[in-house]
Amino acid sequence: MEPFRVRPLSEADIDAVIEAAGGVRAHADASRRDLPGADYLLGEAVIELKALDDEGLAKPERQAKLATLFRRYEKSRPVIVLDRANLPDDAQRDYDRIMEGPIKKAVSTAKTQLKQSRTEFPTASASILFLINNGYTALDQEALLQMAARRTHNDTSKIDGVVVAGCYYYSDGIDNYFLWPIDYVPINLDRPFALYEKLREAWGEHATKFMSAVMLGQIAPDTIKGPVVDTQFDLDGVTYVKPAPPMGKKSVFFGEARPRKDSSGLVHCPPVATTFPDMSREEWELFREALLDEVTLFDEHEKWRADRVAAAATGTALKPFVPVAVTYCGGAEG
């Protein structure tokens, strides 16, 4: 089954969500401003939008750091699964610090923008970071939420809460799942995000409209992203794989184990056995007479038998030698 056509969420999408929730653009002159500023006002909250558009594991420096970390514990493996749960507690903290680089950058720039806008809107009582996961597929919603909350809590007192949301598309070629999570983590309990429920309702309504456009084939084909798949890279002869999160319920078609991303580079299935025609001398003579140009039959039966013995010697448990009995029935005239 061909995957659905899906595009990343755009700033226009979030504009529509904020407007539906009762909010507006914070600075109508944003494109002409020299000062930094937040994106939206929603009730008493100033909101800065940050989209994670890139796959974090595509960065060579992050790949090298993860490879070094995991090789400490799986030194002799040709393929290493980048599973945080396989690491001891102190190494899990190292893993988080490596993976949260783009989040740390988003928090750092957002706090400056939110601080400036709060000075321009003195009636605003909360500063909110709104993170959209557009492309960092190596992090699912739960992992991103935890990292964003921790990073914000550790790095700044200028952000009072974090909203994390995204459209996650999962497919195994048969089953297709679209998830539209949105979650809020308060950082400063004295400065609540009073209209978060309004934002959450508007997000759900926008998800419904977006999915209707997907099903009707109304998504422009020039900005397409596919389903979340295993993320992998090769470094120093070792393949590192970050598996895609489990999707939905057990597959009716595949059963317990859905197919994972094929890292072999093969474009077709290789032969799984060596076959050889098995025939008597009499049958060989009939075929030899009928197929004068067939070089694999050789010009003497003894040579053909020797070739059969050589082929049989190549058989292995994973690629066995399989003789196939054949008989000559003559050819049709016409």
C-alpha atoms as a PDB file:
ATOM      1  CA  MET A   1       0.000   0.000   0.000  1.00  0.00           C
ATOM      2  CA  GLU A   2       1.327   3.451  -0.931  1.00  0.00           C
ATOM      3  CA  PRO A   3       1.851   5.738   2.094  1.00  0.00           C
ATOM      4  CA  PHE A   4      -0.402   8.747   2.561  1.00  0.00           C
ATOM      5  CA  ARG A   5       0.757  12.160   1.433  1.00  0.00           C
ATOM      6  CA  VAL A   6       1.512  14.199   4.544  1.00  0.00           C
ATOM      7  CA  ARG A   7       3.164  17.576   4.899  1.00  0.00           C
ATOM      8  CA  PRO A   8       4.917  19.012   7.931  1.00  0.00           C
ATOM      9  CA  LEU A   9       2.911  21.417  10.051  1.00  0.00           C
ATOM     10  CA  SER A  10       3.478  25.024   9.063  1.00  0.00           C
ATOM     11  CA  GLU A  11       3.322  28.307  10.923  1.00  0.00           C
ATOM     12  CA  ALA A  12       0.026  28.938   9.136  1.00  0.00           C
ATOM     13  CA  ASP A  13      -1.361  25.784  10.782  1.00  0.00           C
ATOM     14  CA  ILE A  14      -0.429  27.083  14.224  1.00  0.00           C
ATOM     15  CA  ASP A  15      -1.805  30.536  13.357  1.00  0.00           C
ATOM     16  CA  ALA A  16      -5.148  28.843  12.670  1.00  0.00           C
ATOM     17  CA  VAL A  17      -5.009  26.882  15.937  1.00  0.00           C
ATOM     18  CA  ILE A  18      -4.184  29.968  18.020  1.00  0.00           C
ATOM     19  CA  GLU A  19      -6.905  32.012  16.302  1.00  0.00           C
ATOM     20  CA  ALA A  20      -9.486  29.251  16.902  1.00  0.00           C
ATOM     21  CA  ALA A  21      -8.506  29.241  20.590  1.00  0.00           C
ATOM     22  CA  GLY A  22      -9.105  33.010  20.790  1.00  0.00           C
ATOM     23  CA  GLY A  23      -5.528  34.225  20.386  1.00  0.00           C
ATOM     24  CA  VAL A  24      -3.745  36.635  18.052  1.00  0.00           C
ATOM     25  CA  ARG A  25      -0.305  37.405  16.707  1.00  0.00           C
ATOM     26  CA  ALA A  26       1.708  39.178  19.392  1.00  0.00           C
ATOM     27  CA  HIS A  27       3.415  41.600  17.031  1.00  0.00           C
ATOM     28  CA  ALA A  28       1.685  42.609  13.808  1.00  0.00           C
ATOM     29  CA  ASP A  29       4.957  44.199  12.659  1.00  0.00           C
ATOM     30  CA  ALA A  30       7.070  41.104  13.398  1.00  0.00           C
ATOM     31  CA  SER A  31       8.730  41.087   9.956  1.00  0.00           C
ATOM     32  CA  ARG A  32       9.903  44.687  10.422  1.00  0.00           C
ATOM     33  CA  ARG A  33      10.976  44.490  14.068  1.00  0.00           C
ATOM     34  CA  ASP A  34      14.581  44.741  15.162  1.00  0.00           C
ATOM     35  CA  LEU A  35      13.802  43.533  18.670  1.00  0.00           C
ATOM     36  CA  PRO A  36      13.182  39.840  19.358  1.00  0.00           C
ATOM     37  CA  GLY A  37       9.622  38.935  20.192  1.00  0.00           C
ATOM     38  CA  ALA A  38       7.237  36.070  20.879  1.00  0.00           C
ATOM     39  CA  ASP A  39       4.726  34.830  18.324  1.00  0.00           C
ATOM     40  CA  TYR A  40       1.313  34.858  19.992  1.00  0.00           C
ATOM     41  CA  LEU A  41      -0.950  36.214  22.705  1.00  0.00           C
ATOM     42  CA  LEU A  42      -3.586  33.869  24.070  1.00  0.00           C
ATOM     43  CA  GLY A  43      -5.495  35.256  27.022  1.00  0.00           C
ATOM     44  CA  GLU A  44      -2.898  36.290  29.569  1.00  0.00           C
ATOM     45  CA  ALA A  45      -0.152  34.143  28.044  1.00  0.00           C
ATOM     46  CA  VAL A  46       2.633  35.136  25.681  1.00  0.00           C
ATOM     47  CA  ILE A  47       3.540  32.159  23.467  1.00  0.00           C
ATOM     48  CA  GLU A  48       6.687  31.477  21.461  1.00  0.00           C
ATOM     49  CA  LEU A  49       6.478  28.788  18.771  1.00  0.00           C
ATOM     50  CA  LYS A  50       9.472  26.573  18.027  1.00  0.00           C
ATOM     51  CA  ALA A  51       9.341  23.775  15.450  1.00  0.00           C
ATOM     52  CA  LEU A  52      11.836  20.912  15.452  1.00  0.00           C
ATOM     53  CA  ASP A  53      12.035  20.465  11.685  1.00  0.00           C
ATOM     54  CA  ASP A  54      15.250  18.457  11.347  1.00  0.00           C
ATOM     55  CA  GLU A  55      16.090  14.869  12.253  1.00  0.00           C
ATOM     56  CA  GLY A  56      18.457  15.245  15.178  1.00  0.00           C
ATOM     57  CA  LEU A  57      20.223  11.957  14.450  1.00  0.00           C
ATOM     58  CA  ALA A  58      21.255  13.240  11.022  1.00  0.00           C
ATOM     59  CA  LYS A  59      23.935  15.437  12.634  1.00  0.00           C
ATOM     60  CA  PRO A  60      27.407  13.789  12.356  1.00  0.00           C
ATOM     61  CA  GLU A  61      28.562  15.214  15.690  1.00  0.00           C
ATOM     62  CA  ARG A  62      25.529  13.754  17.484  1.00  0.00           C
ATOM     63  CA  GLN A  63      26.060  10.411  15.756  1.00  0.00           C
ATOM     64  CA  ALA A  64      29.677  10.325  16.931  1.00  0.00           C
ATOM     65  CA  LYS A  65      28.702  11.090  20.535  1.00  0.00           C
ATOM     66  CA  LEU A  66      26.028   8.377  20.577  1.00  0.00           C
ATOM     67  CA  ALA A  67      28.407   5.865  19.001  1.00  0.00           C
ATOM     68  CA  THR A  68      31.021   6.557  21.667  1.00  0.00           C
ATOM     69  CA  LEU A  69      28.437   6.232  24.427  1.00  0.00           C
ATOM     70  CA  PHE A  70      26.927   2.932  23.297  1.00  0.00           C
ATOM     71  CA  ARG A  71      30.256   1.340  22.357  1.00  0.00           C
ATOM     72  CA  ARG A  72      31.234   1.478  26.020  1.00  0.00           C
ATOM     73  CA  TYR A  73      28.654  -1.210  26.708  1.00  0.00           C
ATOM     74  CA  GLU A  74      28.414  -3.122  23.395  1.00  0.00           C
ATOM     75  CA  LYS A  75      31.969  -3.062  22.051  1.00  0.00           C
ATOM     76  CA  SER A  76      31.935  -6.140  19.816  1.00  0.00           C
ATOM     77  CA  ARG A  77      28.553  -5.801  18.121  1.00  0.00           C
ATOM     78  CA  PRO A  78      28.323  -5.045  14.365  1.00  0.00           C
ATOM     79  CA  VAL A  79      24.814  -3.602  14.891  1.00  0.00           C
ATOM     80  CA  ILE A  80      23.943  -1.563  17.981  1.00  0.00           C
ATOM     81  CA  VAL A  81      20.385  -0.618  18.912  1.00  0.00           C
ATOM     82  CA  LEU A  82      20.201   2.914  20.307  1.00  0.00           C
ATOM     83  CA  ASP A  83      17.819   2.065  23.126  1.00  0.00           C
ATOM     84  CA  ARG A  84      18.075   4.340  26.158  1.00  0.00           C
ATOM     85  CA  ALA A  85      16.760   1.548  28.382  1.00  0.00           C
ATOM     86  CA  ASN A  86      19.843  -0.556  27.606  1.00  0.00           C
ATOM     87  CA  LEU A  87      22.115   1.963  29.320  1.00  0.00           C
ATOM     88  CA  PRO A  88      22.873   2.306  33.055  1.00  0.00           C
ATOM     89  CA  ASP A  89      21.405   5.309  34.862  1.00  0.00           C
ATOM     90  CA  ASP A  90      24.414   7.622  34.510  1.00  0.00           C
ATOM     91  CA  ALA A  91      24.737   6.788  30.806  1.00  0.00           C
ATOM     92  CA  GLN A  92      21.020   7.470  30.308  1.00  0.00           C
ATOM     93  CA  ARG A  93      21.632  11.011  31.508  1.00  0.00           C
ATOM     94  CA  ASP A  94      24.478  11.302  28.980  1.00  0.00           C
ATOM     95  CA  TYR A  95      22.113  10.016  26.283  1.00  0.00           C
ATOM     96  CA  ASP A  96      19.548  12.690  27.159  1.00  0.00           C
ATOM     97  CA  ARG A  97      22.133  15.453  26.999  1.00  0.00           C
ATOM     98  CA  ILE A  98      23.208  14.293  23.538  1.00  0.00           C
ATOM     99  CA  MET A  99      19.668  13.999  22.173  1.00  0.00           C
ATOM    100  CA  GLU A 100      18.295  17.225  23.624  1.00  0.00           C
ATOM    101  CA  GLY A 101      20.606  19.580  21.711  1.00  0.00           C
ATOM    102  CA  PRO A 102      17.875  21.055  19.440  1.00  0.00           C
ATOM    103  CA  ILE A 103      15.553  21.415  22.454  1.00  0.00           C
ATOM    104  CA  LYS A 104      18.204  23.282  24.438  1.00  0.00           C
ATOM    105  CA  LYS A 105      18.651  25.687  21.519  1.00  0.00           C
ATOM    106  CA  ALA A 106      14.887  26.247  21.261  1.00  0.00           C
ATOM    107  CA  VAL A 107      14.635  27.000  24.985  1.00  0.00           C
ATOM    108  CA  SER A 108      17.588  29.402  24.853  1.00  0.00           C
ATOM    109  CA  THR A 109      16.192  31.541  22.030  1.00  0.00           C
ATOM    110  CA  ALA A 110      12.587  31.364  23.266  1.00  0.00           C
ATOM    111  CA  LYS A 111      13.392  32.762  26.710  1.00  0.00           C
ATOM    112  CA  THR A 112      14.866  35.918  25.138  1.00  0.00           C
ATOM    113  CA  GLN A 113      11.863  36.416  22.867  1.00  0.00           C
ATOM    114  CA  LEU A 114       9.353  35.805  25.648  1.00  0.00           C
ATOM    115  CA  LYS A 115      11.167  38.143  28.043  1.00  0.00           C
ATOM    116  CA  GLN A 116      11.065  40.977  25.500  1.00  0.00           C
ATOM    117  CA  SER A 117       7.381  40.522  24.676  1.00  0.00           C
ATOM    118  CA  ARG A 118       6.460  40.442  28.363  1.00  0.00           C
ATOM    119  CA  THR A 119       7.913  43.941  28.699  1.00  0.00           C
ATOM    120  CA  GLU A 120       5.693  45.101  25.837  1.00  0.00           C
ATOM    121  CA  PHE A 121       2.564  43.405  27.204  1.00  0.00           C
ATOM    122  CA  PRO A 122       2.650  44.164  30.945  1.00  0.00           C
ATOM    123  CA  THR A 123      -0.789  42.595  31.504  1.00  0.00           C
ATOM    124  CA  ALA A 124       0.468  39.185  30.350  1.00  0.00           C
ATOM    125  CA  SER A 125       1.100  36.883  33.290  1.00  0.00           C
ATOM    126  CA  ALA A 126       2.615  33.729  31.729  1.00  0.00           C
ATOM    127  CA  SER A 127       5.346  32.903  29.225  1.00  0.00           C
ATOM    128  CA  ILE A 128       4.765  29.692  27.282  1.00  0.00           C
ATOM    129  CA  LEU A 129       7.063  27.744  24.948  1.00  0.00           C
ATOM    130  CA  PHE A 130       5.109  25.863  22.246  1.00  0.00           C
ATOM    131  CA  LEU A 131       7.231  23.057  20.734  1.00  0.00           C
ATOM    132  CA  ILE A 132       6.093  21.294  17.549  1.00  0.00           C
ATOM    133  CA  ASN A 133       7.851  18.062  16.553  1.00  0.00           C
ATOM    134  CA  ASN A 134       7.923  18.209  12.770  1.00  0.00           C
ATOM    135  CA  GLY A 135      10.985  16.154  11.978  1.00  0.00           C
ATOM    136  CA  TYR A 136      12.854  14.864  15.032  1.00  0.00           C
ATOM    137  CA  THR A 137      11.445  11.354  14.586  1.00  0.00           C
ATOM    138  CA  ALA A 138      14.076   9.756  16.831  1.00  0.00           C
ATOM    139  CA  LEU A 139      12.134  11.306  19.739  1.00  0.00           C
ATOM    140  CA  ASP A 140       8.531  10.342  20.380  1.00  0.00           C
ATOM    141  CA  GLN A 141       6.052  12.566  22.205  1.00  0.00           C
ATOM    142  CA  GLU A 142       6.812  11.262  25.692  1.00  0.00           C
ATOM    143  CA  ALA A 143      10.589  11.545  25.336  1.00  0.00           C
ATOM    144  CA  LEU A 144      10.359  15.024  23.825  1.00  0.00           C
ATOM    145  CA  LEU A 145       7.987  16.191  26.565  1.00  0.00           C
ATOM    146  CA  GLN A 146      10.302  14.983  29.325  1.00  0.00           C
ATOM    147  CA  MET A 147      13.404  16.511  27.742  1.00  0.00           C
ATOM    148  CA  ALA A 148      11.693  19.844  27.068  1.00  0.00           C
ATOM    149  CA  ALA A 149      10.367  20.107  30.623  1.00  0.00           C
ATOM    150  CA  ARG A 150      13.733  19.225  32.174  1.00  0.00           C
ATOM    151  CA  ARG A 151      15.689  21.526  29.889  1.00  0.00           C
ATOM    152  CA  THR A 152      13.343  24.453  30.551  1.00  0.00           C
ATOM    153  CA  HIS A 153      13.320  23.892  34.313  1.00  0.00           C
ATOM    154  CA  ASN A 154      17.135  23.724  34.427  1.00  0.00           C
ATOM    155  CA  ASP A 155      17.963  26.535  32.011  1.00  0.00           C
ATOM    156  CA  THR A 156      15.665  29.452  32.747  1.00  0.00           C
ATOM    157  CA  SER A 157      13.107  31.101  35.021  1.00  0.00           C
ATOM    158  CA  LYS A 158      11.718  33.101  32.072  1.00  0.00           C
ATOM    159  CA  ILE A 159       9.455  30.302  30.785  1.00  0.00           C
ATOM    160  CA  ASP A 160       6.447  29.359  32.906  1.00  0.00           C
ATOM    161  CA  GLY A 161       5.204  26.330  30.971  1.00  0.00           C
ATOM    162  CA  VAL A 162       5.864  24.131  27.945  1.00  0.00           C
ATOM    163  CA  VAL A 163       3.377  22.814  25.395  1.00  0.00           C
ATOM    164  CA  VAL A 164       4.607  19.937  23.212  1.00  0.00           C
ATOM    165  CA  ALA A 165       2.618  18.742  20.203  1.00  0.00           C
ATOM    166  CA  GLY A 166       3.032  17.076  16.827  1.00  0.00           C
ATOM    167  CA  CYS A 167       1.533  14.981  14.068  1.00  0.00           C
ATOM    168  CA  TYR A 168       3.096  11.499  14.118  1.00  0.00           C
ATOM    169  CA  TYR A 169       2.437   9.208  11.153  1.00  0.00           C
ATOM    170  CA  TYR A 170       3.211   5.500  11.504  1.00  0.00           C
ATOM    171  CA  SER A 171       2.790   2.873   8.785  1.00  0.00           C
ATOM    172  CA  ASP A 172       3.921  -0.691   8.118  1.00  0.00           C
ATOM    173  CA  GLY A 173       2.562  -0.732   4.567  1.00  0.00           C
ATOM    174  CA  ILE A 174      -0.740  -2.231   5.716  1.00  0.00           C
ATOM    175  CA  ASP A 175      -1.810  -0.408   8.874  1.00  0.00           C
ATOM    176  CA  ASN A 176      -1.609   3.393   9.120  1.00  0.00           C
ATOM    177  CA  TYR A 177      -1.803   5.413  12.324  1.00  0.00           C
ATOM    178  CA  PHE A 178      -1.909   9.184  12.782  1.00  0.00           C
ATOM    179  CA  LEU A 179      -1.387  10.518  16.298  1.00  0.00           C
ATOM    180  CA  TRP A 180      -1.929  14.181  17.216  1.00  0.00           C
ATOM    181  CA  PRO A 181      -0.785  14.467  20.853  1.00  0.00           C
ATOM    182  CA  ILE A 182      -0.619  17.751  22.707  1.00  0.00           C
ATOM    183  CA  ASP A 183       0.594  18.004  26.304  1.00  0.00           C
ATOM    184  CA  TYR A 184       1.316  20.789  28.752  1.00  0.00           C
ATOM    185  CA  VAL A 185       3.871  20.814  31.553  1.00  0.00           C
ATOM    186  CA  PRO A 186       3.726  23.708  34.026  1.00  0.00           C
ATOM    187  CA  ILE A 187       7.145  24.961  35.090  1.00  0.00           C
ATOM    188  CA  ASN A 188       6.156  27.873  37.335  1.00  0.00           C
ATOM    189  CA  LEU A 189       2.976  26.931  39.222  1.00  0.00           C
ATOM    190  CA  ASP A 190       2.431  30.550  40.251  1.00  0.00           C
ATOM    191  CA  ARG A 191       1.950  31.544  36.611  1.00  0.00           C
ATOM    192  CA  PRO A 192      -0.607  29.110  35.122  1.00  0.00           C
ATOM    193  CA  PHE A 193      -1.547  28.849  31.461  1.00  0.00           C
ATOM    194  CA  ALA A 194      -5.247  29.558  31.957  1.00  0.00           C
ATOM    195  CA  LEU A 195      -6.388  28.907  28.371  1.00  0.00           C
ATOM    196  CA  TYR A 196      -4.487  25.685  27.732  1.00  0.00           C
ATOM    197  CA  GLU A 197      -7.738  23.710  27.431  1.00  0.00           C
ATOM    198  CA  LYS A 198      -8.924  26.141  24.743  1.00  0.00           C
ATOM    199  CA  LEU A 199      -5.663  25.553  22.895  1.00  0.00           C
ATOM    200  CA  ARG A 200      -6.003  21.784  23.240  1.00  0.00           C
ATOM    201  CA  GLU A 201      -9.564  21.846  21.855  1.00  0.00           C
ATOM    202  CA  ALA A 202      -8.475  24.006  18.902  1.00  0.00           C
ATOM    203  CA  TRP A 203      -5.581  21.601  18.244  1.00  0.00           C
ATOM    204  CA  GLY A 204      -7.972  18.652  18.071  1.00  0.00           C
ATOM    205  CA  GLU A 205     -10.305  20.497  15.688  1.00  0.00           C
ATOM    206  CA  HIS A 206      -7.396  21.398  13.425  1.00  0.00           C
ATOM    207  CA  ALA A 207      -6.207  17.773  13.453  1.00  0.00           C
ATOM    208  CA  THR A 208      -9.641  16.677  12.208  1.00  0.00           C
ATOM    209  CA  LYS A 209      -9.555  19.192   9.339  1.00  0.00           C
ATOM    210  CA  PHE A 210      -5.976  18.268   8.452  1.00  0.00           C
ATOM    211  CA  MET A 211      -6.736  14.553   8.346  1.00  0.00           C
ATOM    212  CA  SER A 212      -9.790  15.160   6.158  1.00  0.00           C
ATOM    213  CA  ALA A 213      -7.496  16.893   3.654  1.00  0.00           C
ATOM    214  CA  VAL A 214      -5.061  13.957   3.824  1.00  0.00           C
ATOM    215  CA  MET A 215      -7.789  11.400   3.127  1.00  0.00           C
ATOM    216  CA  LEU A 216      -9.131  13.464   0.225  1.00  0.00           C
ATOM    217  CA  GLY A 217      -5.671  13.796  -1.341  1.00  0.00           C
ATOM    218  CA  GLN A 218      -5.627  17.564  -0.919  1.00  0.00           C
ATOM    219  CA  ILE A 219      -2.099  17.808   0.497  1.00  0.00           C
ATOM    220  CA  ALA A 220       0.368  19.539  -1.824  1.00  0.00           C
ATOM    221  CA  PRO A 221       2.942  17.006  -3.129  1.00  0.00           C
ATOM    222  CA  ASP A 222       5.924  19.378  -2.832  1.00  0.00           C
ATOM    223  CA  THR A 223       6.184  19.232   0.978  1.00  0.00           C
ATOM    224  CA  ILE A 224       5.818  15.569   1.810  1.00  0.00           C
ATOM    225  CA  LYS A 225       7.060  13.629   4.808  1.00  0.00           C
ATOM    226  CA  GLY A 226       6.681   9.879   5.083  1.00  0.00           C
ATOM    227  CA  PRO A 227       5.867   7.706   8.059  1.00  0.00           C
ATOM    228  CA  VAL A 228       8.182   7.437  11.050  1.00  0.00           C
ATOM    229  CA  VAL A 229      10.705   4.649  10.401  1.00  0.00           C
ATOM    230  CA  ASP A 230      13.834   3.277  12.044  1.00  0.00           C
ATOM    231  CA  THR A 231      16.632   5.839  12.104  1.00  0.00           C
ATOM    232  CA  GLN A 232      20.097   4.496  11.367  1.00  0.00           C
ATOM    233  CA  PHE A 233      23.635   5.529  10.557  1.00  0.00           C
ATOM    234  CA  ASP A 234      26.978   3.770   9.990  1.00  0.00           C
ATOM    235  CA  LEU A 235      30.184   4.760  11.704  1.00  0.00           C
ATOM    236  CA  ASP A 236      33.546   2.947  11.708  1.00  0.00           C
ATOM    237  CA  GLY A 237      32.032  -0.267  10.359  1.00  0.00           C
ATOM    238  CA  VAL A 238      29.207  -0.399  12.904  1.00  0.00           C
ATOM    239  CA  THR A 239      25.521   0.180  12.131  1.00  0.00           C
ATOM    240  CA  TYR A 240      23.546   2.095  14.760  1.00  0.00           C
ATOM    241  CA  VAL A 241      19.742   1.796  14.718  1.00  0.00           C
ATOM    242  CA  LYS A 242      17.163   3.838  16.634  1.00  0.00           C
ATOM    243  CA  PRO A 243      13.948   1.801  16.220  1.00  0.00           C
ATOM    244  CA  ALA A 244      10.698   3.556  15.451  1.00  0.00           C
ATOM    245  CA  PRO A 245       8.283   3.494  18.402  1.00  0.00           C
ATOM    246  CA  PRO A 246       5.729   0.641  18.544  1.00  0.00           C
ATOM    247  CA  MET A 247       2.626   1.548  16.585  1.00  0.00           C
ATOM    248  CA  GLY A 248      -0.926   0.890  17.681  1.00  0.00           C
ATOM    249  CA  LYS A 249      -2.170  -2.607  18.400  1.00  0.00           C
ATOM    250  CA  LYS A 250      -0.840  -5.930  17.103  1.00  0.00           C
ATOM    251  CA  SER A 251      -0.922  -6.157  13.309  1.00  0.00           C
ATOM    252  CA  VAL A 252      -3.633  -8.402  11.891  1.00  0.00           C
ATOM    253  CA  PHE A 253      -1.535  -8.919   8.761  1.00  0.00           C
ATOM    254  CA  PHE A 254       2.010  -9.271  10.192  1.00  0.00           C
ATOM    255  CA  GLY A 255       1.133 -10.670  13.614  1.00  0.00           C
ATOM    256  CA  GLU A 256       3.501 -10.012  16.502  1.00  0.00           C
ATOM    257  CA  ALA A 257       6.403  -8.595  14.477  1.00  0.00           C
ATOM    258  CA  ARG A 258       5.902  -5.773  11.995  1.00  0.00           C
ATOM    259  CA  PRO A 259       8.669  -5.411   9.393  1.00  0.00           C
ATOM    260  CA  ARG A 260      11.491  -3.051  10.300  1.00  0.00           C
ATOM    261  CA  LYS A 261      13.461  -0.840   7.952  1.00  0.00           C
ATOM    262  CA  ASP A 262      15.613  -2.886   5.542  1.00  0.00           C
ATOM    263  CA  SER A 263      19.220  -1.770   5.988  1.00  0.00           C
ATOM    264  CA  SER A 264      20.721  -4.317   3.581  1.00  0.00           C
ATOM    265  CA  GLY A 265      20.520  -2.106   0.512  1.00  0.00           C
ATOM    266  CA  LEU A 266      19.026  -4.959  -1.528  1.00  0.00           C
ATOM    267  CA  VAL A 267      16.499  -4.090  -4.219  1.00  0.00           C
ATOM    268  CA  HIS A 268      15.363  -7.689  -4.799  1.00  0.00           C
ATOM    269  CA  CYS A 269      15.375 -10.938  -2.888  1.00  0.00           C
ATOM    270  CA  PRO A 270      18.605 -12.924  -3.459  1.00  0.00           C
ATOM    271  CA  PRO A 271      18.440 -16.649  -4.276  1.00  0.00           C
ATOM    272  CA  VAL A 272      18.021 -18.803  -1.192  1.00  0.00           C
ATOM    273  CA  ALA A 273      19.109 -22.087  -2.806  1.00  0.00           C
ATOM    274  CA  THR A 274      21.292 -23.453  -5.605  1.00  0.00           C
ATOM    275  CA  THR A 275      19.140 -25.568  -7.910  1.00  0.00           C
ATOM    276  CA  PHE A 276      20.459 -28.115 -10.395  1.00  0.00           C
ATOM    277  CA  PRO A 277      18.651 -30.298 -12.950  1.00  0.00           C
ATOM    278  CA  ASP A 278      18.825 -33.952 -11.887  1.00  0.00           C
ATOM    279  CA  MET A 279      18.690 -36.427 -14.787  1.00  0.00           C
ATOM    280  CA  SER A 280      19.981 -39.797 -15.926  1.00  0.00           C
ATOM    281  CA  ARG A 281      22.537 -40.270 -18.711  1.00  0.00           C
ATOM    282  CA  GLU A 282      19.680 -41.135 -21.084  1.00  0.00           C
ATOM    283  CA  GLU A 283      17.781 -37.971 -20.228  1.00  0.00           C
ATOM    284  CA  TRP A 284      20.977 -35.910 -20.559  1.00  0.00           C
ATOM    285  CA  GLU A 285      21.607 -37.290 -24.044  1.00  0.00           C
ATOM    286  CA  LEU A 286      18.069 -36.352 -25.122  1.00  0.00           C
ATOM    287  CA  PHE A 287      18.444 -32.810 -23.786  1.00  0.00           C
ATOM    288  CA  ARG A 288      21.927 -32.493 -25.302  1.00  0.00           C
ATOM    289  CA  GLU A 289      20.602 -33.461 -28.742  1.00  0.00           C
ATOM    290  CA  ALA A 290      17.633 -31.093 -28.488  1.00  0.00           C
ATOM    291  CA  LEU A 291      19.587 -28.154 -27.000  1.00  0.00           C
ATOM    292  CA  LEU A 292      22.781 -28.062 -29.045  1.00  0.00           C
ATOM    293  CA  ASP A 293      23.625 -24.485 -28.013  1.00  0.00           C
ATOM    294  CA  GLU A 294      23.082 -24.960 -24.273  1.00  0.00           C
ATOM    295  CA  VAL A 295      26.601 -24.588 -22.836  1.00  0.00           C
ATOM    296  CA  THR A 296      25.614 -25.599 -19.300  1.00  0.00           C
ATOM    297  CA  LEU A 297      24.998 -29.159 -20.548  1.00  0.00           C
ATOM    298  CA  PHE A 298      28.660 -29.399 -21.693  1.00  0.00           C
ATOM    299  CA  ASP A 299      29.684 -31.644 -24.576  1.00  0.00           C
ATOM    300  CA  GLU A 300      30.231 -34.772 -22.464  1.00  0.00           C
ATOM    301  CA  HIS A 301      28.054 -36.317 -19.769  1.00  0.00           C
ATOM    302  CA  GLU A 302      31.056 -36.776 -17.463  1.00  0.00           C
ATOM    303  CA  LYS A 303      31.775 -33.027 -17.557  1.00  0.00           C
ATOM    304  CA  TRP A 304      28.158 -32.271 -16.742  1.00  0.00           C
ATOM    305  CA  ARG A 305      28.315 -34.704 -13.796  1.00  0.00           C
ATOM    306  CA  ALA A 306      31.491 -33.056 -12.548  1.00  0.00           C
ATOM    307  CA  ASP A 307      29.755 -29.678 -12.677  1.00  0.00           C
ATOM    308  CA  ARG A 308      26.888 -31.132 -10.629  1.00  0.00           C
ATOM    309  CA  VAL A 309      29.330 -32.394  -7.980  1.00  0.00           C
ATOM    310  CA  ALA A 310      31.004 -28.983  -7.812  1.00  0.00           C
ATOM    311  CA  ALA A 311      27.639 -27.246  -7.409  1.00  0.00           C
ATOM    312  CA  ALA A 312      26.603 -29.652  -4.644  1.00  0.00           C
ATOM    313  CA  ALA A 313      29.793 -28.838  -2.735  1.00  0.00           C
ATOM    314  CA  THR A 314      28.741 -25.172  -2.477  1.00  0.00           C
ATOM    315  CA  GLY A 315      25.588 -25.968  -0.495  1.00  0.00           C
ATOM    316  CA  THR A 316      25.238 -24.507   2.998  1.00  0.00           C
ATOM    317  CA  ALA A 317      22.573 -24.531   5.688  1.00  0.00           C
ATOM    318  CA  LEU A 318      21.373 -21.082   4.604  1.00  0.00           C
ATOM    319  CA  LYS A 319      21.763 -21.650   0.861  1.00  0.00           C
ATOM    320  CA  PRO A 320      21.304 -25.396   0.253  1.00  0.00           C
ATOM    321  CA  PHE A 321      21.963 -27.357  -2.928  1.00  0.00           C
ATOM    322  CA  VAL A 322      18.615 -28.565  -4.302  1.00  0.00           C
ATOM    323  CA  PRO A 323      18.582 -31.107  -7.196  1.00  0.00           C
ATOM    324  CA  VAL A 324      15.405 -30.920  -9.302  1.00  0.00           C
ATOM    325  CA  ALA A 325      14.363 -34.043 -11.204  1.00  0.00           C
ATOM    326  CA  VAL A 326      13.678 -33.318 -14.883  1.00  0.00           C
ATOM    327  CA  THR A 327      12.606 -35.526 -17.782  1.00  0.00           C
ATOM    328  CA  TYR A 328      12.626 -34.958 -21.508  1.00  0.00           C
ATOM    329  CA  CYS A 329       9.187 -34.995 -23.123  1.00  0.00           C
ATOM    330  CA  GLY A 330      10.157 -33.793 -26.571  1.00  0.00           C
ATOM    331  CA  GLY A 331       9.416 -30.459 -28.186  1.00  0.00           C
ATOM    332  CA  ALA A 332       6.288 -29.234 -29.939  1.00  0.00           C
ATOM    333  CA  GLU A 333       6.446 -28.831 -33.705  1.00  0.00           C
ATOM    334  CA  GLY A 334       5.113 -25.737 -35.298  1.00  0.00           C
END
